[in-house]
Amino acid sequence: MGLTKSRSKIWLGVVLMNILGTAILWTAYFISLYFSIFLVIVYLDKREHFREEKSNLTLTKEPVISILIPAYNEEKTIIRTLESVRDINYPKNKLDVIVIDDGSNDGTKEQIENFITKNKLNNFKLRSHKNMGKGASLNDALKVVKGEFFACLDADSFVDADTLKKQLSFYYKENDPKLAIITPAMKVYKPKNVLQKIQWIEYLIMIFVGRLTSQLDSLYVAPGPFSLYKTGIIKELGGFHEKHLTEDQEIAYRVQEQHYRIKQCFDAYVFTISPDKLVPFYRQRRRWYLGSITCAYTYKKLIANKKYGDFGIMQMIKNVIGYFLAFTGMAFAFYFLVWPLILKIKGGLIVNFDIMPYLRTFQLTFDPLFVDIPKVMIFGALFLTSLFFFYQAHVNAKEKLRGVGYLPIIPYFAFYYLLKGSILILAVYEFSRRKKIKW
């Protein structure tokens, strides 16, 4: 009798777990599909505008622009960065360039000094101090900026010569004193290996999604490579957060909180060197995700808050739900992919991987009566929307579908999001421990 009751409890537990798992899975499906279709609808509503929109290189005004270049141990890339700024298509007497050596212990400072001297760049200035972090370095430079606008440029990134004029033209066309930040369209610079080529695809999709999100005034990050800021507004808001891992995201949240606007200039291109190995990639994304989690927690009052329009009702909810989707995706990937693989390997070890008897008796069968039609339809819809974003991202960025070849497409769709999901889960764990990570 006792054994029967025990079996009944186990059976009931299994049933309840299956029901819960199914409910979570279907919730994740519908949330993913909802936000995907929502962005597709935004595109369909704005596609005529996108087709006709063109950047203008003719400016009604040519204000003084400050460019801040914070650098910490960037001797391998700093010269290429400085060259790109030197070659910007803008009157040199209207460019106020401040290069910040944040206590580098390699040859960064010497390379900056030699470059300025060799090229006789009177509008370039070097500020050097002990290591304070990126946010503090930018705030130190903000004390002496001359420009009505200022742009930040990471020392591993390179700005296109026409980008600044495109951003300024966009600003004057908008003609809105509440417009605080113009973000660029960031691409990966000359990808070489598969990991960089996968990120090249990812960045193109980020540009396209950013363009859609910009239409809703819901951008939540001002990328380090050449976002253009209205100096007076940023000073009014107190400058950059000096203790935050992602100061470019925190300032965007603060701008949104104070009801200022952020817009993307869709073809203001800037190029950045992406990580080419898994360890640097992990460190970069861990910092990004920890910064993102911290921002969501710090500005949690914006979540589902109608006072903040689409940013509060759509973007903040989407950002938070993204963590749920990541955990759900990783859990089911482990259950349906990793765990069965572990069992197969375990079985193979028992028979010393002698698979010939299995192959001789193997039969491939398919019964359409047992196909889960609703799941097939949801998966199909998600896959089609993924292809839609993949295709439109290339069109939007004026890149060919075979720009980095077809090989990176397979790991991008098959494995890349599992890799990012794993890092996100680790970031959530580290956030719960209040672990500190330096720039």
Protein backbone atom coordinates (compact mmCIF):
# COMPACT_ATOMS: atom_id res chain seq x y z
CA MET A 1 0.00 0.00 0.00
CA GLY A 2 2.79 2.41 0.97
CA LEU A 3 4.67 1.60 -2.23
CA THR A 4 1.56 2.34 -4.30
CA LYS A 5 1.12 5.74 -2.63
CA SER A 6 4.78 6.55 -3.21
CA ARG A 7 4.47 5.68 -6.90
CA SER A 8 1.31 7.79 -7.16
CA LYS A 9 3.11 10.80 -5.68
CA ILE A 10 6.01 10.36 -8.09
CA TRP A 11 3.62 10.02 -11.03
CA LEU A 12 1.68 13.12 -9.90
CA GLY A 13 4.93 15.06 -9.51
CA VAL A 14 6.01 14.09 -13.02
CA VAL A 15 2.64 15.15 -14.45
CA LEU A 16 2.76 18.51 -12.66
CA MET A 17 6.33 19.11 -13.83
CA ASN A 18 5.32 18.34 -17.41
CA ILE A 19 2.37 20.73 -17.17
CA LEU A 20 4.57 23.47 -15.69
CA GLY A 21 7.29 22.90 -18.28
CA THR A 22 4.77 23.01 -21.12
CA ALA A 23 3.24 26.23 -19.75
CA ILE A 24 6.66 27.89 -19.47
CA LEU A 25 7.64 26.74 -22.95
CA TRP A 26 4.46 28.05 -24.57
CA THR A 27 4.77 31.34 -22.67
CA ALA A 28 8.31 31.75 -24.01
CA TYR A 29 7.11 30.94 -27.54
CA PHE A 30 4.35 33.53 -27.49
CA ILE A 31 6.46 36.27 -25.88
CA SER A 32 9.21 35.78 -28.46
CA LEU A 33 6.72 35.77 -31.31
CA TYR A 34 4.86 38.81 -29.95
CA PHE A 35 7.92 41.06 -29.80
CA SER A 36 9.23 39.78 -33.14
CA ILE A 37 5.95 40.47 -34.93
CA PHE A 38 5.66 43.83 -33.15
CA LEU A 39 8.97 44.96 -34.68
CA VAL A 40 7.95 43.59 -38.08
CA ILE A 41 4.80 45.73 -37.88
CA VAL A 42 6.92 48.79 -36.98
CA TYR A 43 9.02 48.13 -40.07
CA LEU A 44 5.98 47.73 -42.33
CA ASP A 45 4.59 50.99 -40.98
CA LYS A 46 7.88 52.86 -41.59
CA ARG A 47 9.25 51.12 -44.66
CA GLU A 48 8.38 53.95 -47.08
CA HIS A 49 10.12 56.38 -44.76
CA PHE A 50 13.15 54.07 -44.59
CA ARG A 51 13.33 53.81 -48.38
CA GLU A 52 13.20 57.56 -48.88
CA GLU A 53 15.39 58.58 -45.92
CA LYS A 54 18.79 59.86 -46.98
CA SER A 55 21.58 61.46 -45.03
CA ASN A 56 22.58 64.99 -45.90
CA LEU A 57 26.19 66.16 -45.86
CA THR A 58 25.23 69.83 -46.26
CA LEU A 59 25.04 71.57 -42.90
CA THR A 60 23.17 74.75 -42.04
CA LYS A 61 25.56 75.23 -39.10
CA GLU A 62 29.06 74.06 -38.31
CA PRO A 63 29.37 74.24 -34.52
CA VAL A 64 32.48 73.33 -32.56
CA ILE A 65 32.51 69.58 -31.86
CA SER A 66 34.55 67.97 -29.11
CA ILE A 67 35.67 64.37 -29.59
CA LEU A 68 36.68 62.42 -26.48
CA ILE A 69 38.85 59.33 -26.95
CA PRO A 70 39.39 57.42 -23.66
CA ALA A 71 42.18 54.84 -23.88
CA TYR A 72 43.49 52.24 -21.48
CA ASN A 73 46.26 49.95 -22.82
CA GLU A 74 45.23 50.38 -26.45
CA GLU A 75 48.65 50.60 -28.12
CA LYS A 76 47.62 48.12 -30.83
CA THR A 77 44.69 50.16 -32.13
CA ILE A 78 45.04 53.76 -30.93
CA ILE A 79 46.88 55.04 -34.03
CA ARG A 80 44.20 53.73 -36.39
CA THR A 81 41.57 55.37 -34.17
CA LEU A 82 43.41 58.72 -34.20
CA GLU A 83 43.86 58.53 -37.97
CA SER A 84 40.13 58.09 -38.46
CA VAL A 85 39.45 61.20 -36.34
CA ARG A 86 42.14 63.20 -38.15
CA ASP A 87 40.47 62.36 -41.47
CA ILE A 88 36.92 63.35 -40.45
CA ASN A 89 35.22 65.46 -43.13
CA TYR A 90 34.69 68.57 -41.02
CA PRO A 91 36.52 71.91 -40.62
CA LYS A 92 39.62 71.20 -38.54
CA ASN A 93 39.32 74.48 -36.64
CA LYS A 94 35.89 73.34 -35.45
CA LEU A 95 37.14 70.01 -34.04
CA ASP A 96 38.27 69.90 -30.42
CA VAL A 97 39.87 66.46 -29.93
CA ILE A 98 40.73 65.30 -26.41
CA VAL A 99 42.61 62.01 -26.12
CA ILE A 100 42.53 60.59 -22.60
CA ASP A 101 45.24 58.21 -21.37
CA ASP A 102 43.62 56.54 -18.38
CA GLY A 103 46.80 55.38 -16.67
CA SER A 104 47.91 52.96 -19.39
CA ASN A 105 50.94 50.83 -18.54
CA ASP A 106 51.85 49.96 -22.14
CA GLY A 107 52.94 52.27 -24.97
CA THR A 108 49.58 53.98 -25.47
CA LYS A 109 50.60 57.40 -24.12
CA GLU A 110 53.84 57.54 -26.13
CA GLN A 111 52.03 56.57 -29.34
CA ILE A 112 49.46 59.33 -28.81
CA GLU A 113 52.16 61.95 -28.18
CA ASN A 114 54.15 60.87 -31.23
CA PHE A 115 51.07 60.90 -33.47
CA ILE A 116 50.03 64.42 -32.41
CA THR A 117 53.59 65.76 -32.83
CA LYS A 118 54.24 64.03 -36.15
CA ASN A 119 50.97 65.21 -37.72
CA LYS A 120 51.19 68.73 -36.17
CA LEU A 121 47.63 68.49 -34.89
CA ASN A 122 47.03 71.65 -32.90
CA ASN A 123 43.40 70.71 -32.26
CA PHE A 124 44.41 67.40 -30.58
CA LYS A 125 45.15 67.47 -26.85
CA LEU A 126 46.31 64.69 -24.53
CA ARG A 127 45.07 64.37 -20.95
CA SER A 128 46.92 61.76 -18.94
CA HIS A 129 46.19 60.69 -15.38
CA LYS A 130 46.22 57.67 -13.10
CA ASN A 131 43.71 54.91 -13.86
CA MET A 132 40.23 56.12 -12.89
CA GLY A 133 37.94 54.15 -15.19
CA LYS A 134 36.15 55.17 -18.35
CA GLY A 135 33.29 57.13 -16.79
CA ALA A 136 35.62 59.20 -14.59
CA SER A 137 37.97 59.81 -17.55
CA LEU A 138 35.11 61.14 -19.66
CA ASN A 139 33.90 63.40 -16.84
CA ASP A 140 37.41 64.77 -16.38
CA ALA A 141 37.54 65.67 -20.07
CA LEU A 142 34.02 67.16 -19.94
CA LYS A 143 35.41 69.89 -17.68
CA VAL A 144 37.39 71.35 -20.59
CA VAL A 145 35.32 70.54 -23.70
CA LYS A 146 34.65 73.47 -26.02
CA GLY A 147 32.01 71.93 -28.25
CA GLU A 148 28.27 72.50 -28.32
CA PHE A 149 28.24 68.74 -29.00
CA PHE A 150 30.72 66.08 -28.03
CA ALA A 151 31.27 62.56 -29.31
CA CYS A 152 32.92 59.64 -27.51
CA LEU A 153 35.06 57.24 -29.50
CA ASP A 154 36.45 54.02 -28.05
CA ALA A 155 40.15 53.53 -28.76
CA ASP A 156 39.50 50.26 -30.64
CA SER A 157 37.02 51.84 -33.06
CA PHE A 158 37.26 53.89 -36.25
CA VAL A 159 34.79 56.49 -37.47
CA ASP A 160 33.82 56.94 -41.12
CA ALA A 161 34.84 60.32 -42.50
CA ASP A 162 31.24 61.47 -43.19
CA THR A 163 29.62 60.17 -40.01
CA LEU A 164 29.85 63.40 -38.00
CA LYS A 165 28.22 65.49 -40.76
CA LYS A 166 25.43 62.92 -41.10
CA GLN A 167 24.74 63.02 -37.35
CA LEU A 168 24.71 66.83 -37.21
CA SER A 169 22.48 67.06 -40.27
CA PHE A 170 20.10 64.58 -38.65
CA TYR A 171 20.06 66.65 -35.45
CA TYR A 172 19.18 69.88 -37.25
CA LYS A 173 16.54 68.14 -39.32
CA GLU A 174 14.86 66.86 -36.13
CA ASN A 175 14.93 70.41 -34.71
CA ASP A 176 14.11 69.25 -31.19
CA PRO A 177 15.78 70.79 -28.10
CA LYS A 178 14.94 67.58 -26.17
CA LEU A 179 17.12 65.50 -28.50
CA ALA A 180 20.14 64.61 -26.36
CA ILE A 181 21.98 61.80 -28.18
CA ILE A 182 22.47 60.74 -31.80
CA THR A 183 23.72 57.14 -31.96
CA PRO A 184 25.76 55.72 -34.87
CA ALA A 185 25.39 52.53 -36.90
CA MET A 186 28.15 50.27 -35.59
CA LYS A 187 29.74 47.56 -37.72
CA VAL A 188 32.48 45.02 -37.03
CA TYR A 189 35.80 46.04 -38.59
CA LYS A 190 37.28 43.53 -41.05
CA PRO A 191 36.16 40.24 -39.42
CA LYS A 192 38.70 37.46 -39.87
CA ASN A 193 37.67 34.29 -38.04
CA VAL A 194 34.26 32.64 -37.61
CA LEU A 195 33.56 34.25 -34.21
CA GLN A 196 34.14 37.75 -35.60
CA LYS A 197 32.05 36.99 -38.68
CA ILE A 198 29.16 35.83 -36.49
CA GLN A 199 29.43 39.12 -34.58
CA TRP A 200 29.48 40.96 -37.93
CA ILE A 201 26.05 39.47 -38.66
CA GLU A 202 24.86 40.26 -35.13
CA TYR A 203 25.90 43.92 -35.39
CA LEU A 204 24.03 44.35 -38.68
CA ILE A 205 20.86 43.05 -37.03
CA MET A 206 21.50 45.37 -34.06
CA ILE A 207 21.70 48.34 -36.46
CA PHE A 208 18.36 47.37 -38.02
CA VAL A 209 16.62 46.74 -34.68
CA GLY A 210 18.09 50.00 -33.39
CA ARG A 211 16.61 51.84 -36.35
CA LEU A 212 13.19 50.37 -35.59
CA THR A 213 13.52 51.08 -31.88
CA SER A 214 14.59 54.65 -32.66
CA GLN A 215 11.22 55.21 -34.33
CA LEU A 216 9.60 54.44 -30.97
CA ASP A 217 11.99 56.67 -28.99
CA SER A 218 13.04 53.56 -27.11
CA LEU A 219 16.81 53.33 -27.57
CA TYR A 220 18.43 52.29 -24.28
CA VAL A 221 22.14 52.42 -25.06
CA ALA A 222 24.45 55.03 -26.59
CA PRO A 223 27.29 52.94 -28.05
CA GLY A 224 30.81 53.93 -26.98
CA PRO A 225 32.00 54.23 -30.58
CA PHE A 226 30.94 57.76 -31.63
CA SER A 227 27.59 58.49 -30.07
CA LEU A 228 27.07 62.26 -30.37
CA TYR A 229 25.86 64.10 -27.25
CA LYS A 230 24.41 67.57 -26.65
CA THR A 231 26.99 68.90 -24.21
CA GLY A 232 24.66 71.11 -22.18
CA ILE A 233 22.14 68.32 -21.55
CA ILE A 234 24.74 65.78 -20.44
CA LYS A 235 26.34 68.31 -18.09
CA GLU A 236 22.90 69.15 -16.72
CA LEU A 237 22.37 65.45 -15.97
CA GLY A 238 25.67 65.27 -14.09
CA GLY A 239 27.88 63.63 -16.70
CA PHE A 240 28.66 59.92 -16.82
CA HIS A 241 28.26 57.44 -13.97
CA GLU A 242 31.79 56.76 -12.72
CA LYS A 243 31.16 53.40 -11.03
CA HIS A 244 29.00 51.77 -13.69
CA LEU A 245 30.28 48.96 -15.90
CA THR A 246 28.42 50.24 -18.95
CA GLU A 247 28.38 54.03 -18.65
CA ASP A 248 27.08 54.31 -22.23
CA GLN A 249 23.96 52.37 -21.32
CA GLU A 250 23.45 54.05 -17.95
CA ILE A 251 23.52 57.54 -19.49
CA ALA A 252 20.93 56.42 -22.05
CA TYR A 253 18.62 55.19 -19.28
CA ARG A 254 19.09 58.48 -17.42
CA VAL A 255 18.34 60.48 -20.56
CA GLN A 256 15.13 58.48 -21.03
CA GLU A 257 14.22 58.88 -17.36
CA GLN A 258 14.46 62.69 -17.71
CA HIS A 259 12.28 62.62 -20.84
CA TYR A 260 15.01 63.58 -23.29
CA ARG A 261 15.26 61.78 -26.62
CA ILE A 262 17.77 59.44 -28.29
CA LYS A 263 17.73 58.82 -32.04
CA GLN A 264 19.81 56.67 -34.38
CA CYS A 265 21.38 58.05 -37.55
CA PHE A 266 20.94 54.91 -39.64
CA ASP A 267 24.02 55.26 -41.89
CA ALA A 268 26.42 57.13 -39.61
CA TYR A 269 28.92 54.28 -39.71
CA VAL A 270 31.58 53.52 -37.17
CA PHE A 271 33.68 50.37 -37.11
CA THR A 272 34.84 48.45 -34.05
CA ILE A 273 37.21 45.53 -33.55
CA SER A 274 35.25 42.64 -32.08
CA PRO A 275 36.75 39.89 -29.89
CA ASP A 276 38.37 37.14 -31.95
CA LYS A 277 38.63 34.54 -29.16
CA LEU A 278 36.10 33.07 -26.74
CA VAL A 279 37.74 34.34 -23.53
CA PRO A 280 37.79 38.05 -24.57
CA PHE A 281 34.29 37.60 -26.00
CA TYR A 282 33.09 36.15 -22.70
CA ARG A 283 34.62 39.03 -20.74
CA GLN A 284 33.08 41.64 -23.03
CA ARG A 285 29.59 40.16 -22.95
CA ARG A 286 29.74 39.46 -19.21
CA ARG A 287 30.48 43.15 -18.66
CA TRP A 288 27.69 44.17 -21.05
CA TYR A 289 25.15 41.88 -19.41
CA LEU A 290 26.12 42.83 -15.86
CA GLY A 291 25.80 46.48 -16.85
CA SER A 292 22.43 45.82 -18.48
CA ILE A 293 21.10 43.98 -15.41
CA THR A 294 22.33 46.78 -13.15
CA CYS A 295 20.61 49.41 -15.32
CA ALA A 296 17.33 47.48 -15.34
CA TYR A 297 17.49 47.16 -11.56
CA THR A 298 18.50 50.79 -10.98
CA TYR A 299 15.76 52.15 -13.24
CA LYS A 300 13.11 49.58 -12.35
CA LYS A 301 10.54 52.33 -11.76
CA LEU A 302 10.45 52.83 -15.54
CA ILE A 303 9.18 49.27 -16.15
CA ALA A 304 5.58 49.33 -17.45
CA ASN A 305 5.36 53.02 -16.53
CA LYS A 306 3.09 54.93 -18.94
CA LYS A 307 4.89 58.19 -18.12
CA TYR A 308 7.79 56.95 -20.27
CA GLY A 309 5.76 56.02 -23.34
CA ASP A 310 6.97 53.16 -25.51
CA PHE A 311 10.26 53.07 -23.60
CA GLY A 312 8.50 52.12 -20.36
CA ILE A 313 5.64 50.07 -21.79
CA MET A 314 7.50 48.20 -24.50
CA GLN A 315 11.30 48.44 -24.23
CA MET A 316 11.72 48.10 -20.46
CA ILE A 317 9.32 45.16 -20.33
CA LYS A 318 11.13 43.58 -23.29
CA ASN A 319 14.52 44.05 -21.59
CA VAL A 320 13.36 42.35 -18.37
CA ILE A 321 11.48 39.55 -20.13
CA GLY A 322 14.66 38.88 -22.10
CA TYR A 323 16.19 37.37 -18.96
CA PHE A 324 13.23 34.99 -18.60
CA LEU A 325 13.58 33.97 -22.25
CA ALA A 326 17.30 33.37 -21.82
CA PHE A 327 16.80 31.14 -18.76
CA THR A 328 13.94 29.27 -20.45
CA GLY A 329 15.90 28.77 -23.66
CA MET A 330 18.95 27.48 -21.82
CA ALA A 331 16.90 25.15 -19.61
CA PHE A 332 15.08 23.55 -22.53
CA ALA A 333 18.25 23.41 -24.63
CA PHE A 334 19.89 21.44 -21.82
CA TYR A 335 16.86 19.17 -21.42
CA PHE A 336 16.28 18.46 -25.11
CA LEU A 337 19.83 18.69 -26.51
CA VAL A 338 22.59 18.46 -23.91
CA TRP A 339 21.08 15.84 -21.59
CA PRO A 340 20.15 13.39 -24.40
CA LEU A 341 23.70 13.83 -25.76
CA ILE A 342 25.15 13.02 -22.33
CA LEU A 343 22.99 9.87 -22.17
CA LYS A 344 24.15 8.84 -25.66
CA ILE A 345 27.78 9.30 -24.68
CA LYS A 346 27.18 7.34 -21.48
CA GLY A 347 25.58 4.52 -23.47
CA GLY A 348 28.47 4.61 -25.93
CA LEU A 349 30.98 4.22 -23.13
CA ILE A 350 29.15 1.10 -21.89
CA VAL A 351 29.46 -0.61 -25.30
CA ASN A 352 32.87 0.90 -25.99
CA PHE A 353 31.26 2.94 -28.80
CA ASP A 354 30.54 -0.14 -30.87
CA ILE A 355 27.66 1.30 -32.91
CA MET A 356 27.51 -1.29 -35.70
CA PRO A 357 24.70 -3.37 -34.08
CA TYR A 358 22.70 -0.16 -33.67
CA LEU A 359 23.25 0.87 -37.28
CA ARG A 360 22.17 -2.58 -38.56
CA THR A 361 18.83 -2.34 -36.74
CA PHE A 362 18.26 1.42 -37.18
CA GLN A 363 15.07 2.43 -39.02
CA LEU A 364 14.04 6.00 -39.77
CA THR A 365 10.30 6.35 -39.28
CA PHE A 366 8.03 9.37 -39.62
CA ASP A 367 4.37 9.44 -38.68
CA PRO A 368 2.66 12.77 -39.53
CA LEU A 369 -0.18 11.91 -37.12
CA PHE A 370 2.21 12.45 -34.20
CA VAL A 371 3.56 15.82 -35.39
CA ASP A 372 2.85 18.62 -32.89
CA ILE A 373 1.24 21.05 -35.36
CA PRO A 374 0.96 24.06 -32.96
CA LYS A 375 4.66 23.84 -32.06
CA VAL A 376 5.63 23.47 -35.72
CA MET A 377 3.60 26.58 -36.55
CA ILE A 378 5.20 28.62 -33.73
CA PHE A 379 8.70 27.45 -34.63
CA GLY A 380 8.00 28.19 -38.28
CA ALA A 381 6.79 31.71 -37.49
CA LEU A 382 9.83 32.41 -35.28
CA PHE A 383 12.17 31.07 -37.94
CA LEU A 384 10.55 33.18 -40.67
CA THR A 385 10.77 36.35 -38.57
CA SER A 386 14.43 35.53 -37.87
CA LEU A 387 15.06 35.24 -41.60
CA PHE A 388 13.18 38.51 -42.13
CA PHE A 389 15.43 40.37 -39.68
CA PHE A 390 18.51 38.68 -41.14
CA TYR A 391 17.63 39.78 -44.68
CA GLN A 392 16.41 43.29 -43.85
CA ALA A 393 19.46 43.93 -41.65
CA HIS A 394 21.75 43.38 -44.64
CA VAL A 395 19.60 45.57 -46.88
CA ASN A 396 19.45 48.30 -44.24
CA ALA A 397 23.25 48.30 -43.79
CA LYS A 398 23.87 48.07 -47.56
CA GLU A 399 25.75 44.79 -47.15
CA LYS A 400 25.58 41.65 -49.27
CA LEU A 401 24.09 38.50 -47.76
CA ARG A 402 27.33 36.71 -48.56
CA GLY A 403 29.39 39.57 -47.09
CA VAL A 404 31.28 37.24 -44.73
CA GLY A 405 30.35 34.03 -46.53
CA TYR A 406 27.59 31.57 -45.77
CA LEU A 407 29.44 29.40 -43.23
CA PRO A 408 28.97 31.75 -40.20
CA ILE A 409 25.19 31.76 -40.75
CA ILE A 410 24.86 28.18 -39.44
CA PRO A 411 26.50 28.73 -36.03
CA TYR A 412 24.79 32.12 -35.77
CA PHE A 413 21.34 30.56 -35.87
CA ALA A 414 22.24 27.20 -34.27
CA PHE A 415 24.63 27.95 -31.41
CA TYR A 416 25.35 31.65 -30.94
CA TYR A 417 22.29 32.46 -28.83
CA LEU A 418 23.01 29.48 -26.59
CA LEU A 419 26.51 30.86 -26.04
CA LYS A 420 25.18 34.34 -25.22
CA GLY A 421 22.44 32.83 -23.03
CA SER A 422 25.04 30.93 -21.00
CA ILE A 423 27.03 34.13 -20.41
CA LEU A 424 23.86 35.99 -19.44
CA ILE A 425 22.99 33.36 -16.82
CA LEU A 426 26.50 33.63 -15.37
CA ALA A 427 26.12 37.43 -15.32
CA VAL A 428 22.84 37.16 -13.41
CA TYR A 429 24.58 34.88 -10.90
CA GLU A 430 27.47 37.32 -10.50
CA PHE A 431 25.04 40.24 -10.12
CA SER A 432 23.32 38.37 -7.30
CA ARG A 433 26.71 38.15 -5.58
CA ARG A 434 27.37 41.87 -6.21
CA LYS A 435 30.63 40.97 -7.92
CA LYS A 436 32.70 43.95 -9.09
CA ILE A 437 34.33 43.99 -12.52
CA LYS A 438 36.64 46.80 -13.66
CA TRP A 439 36.84 48.42 -17.11
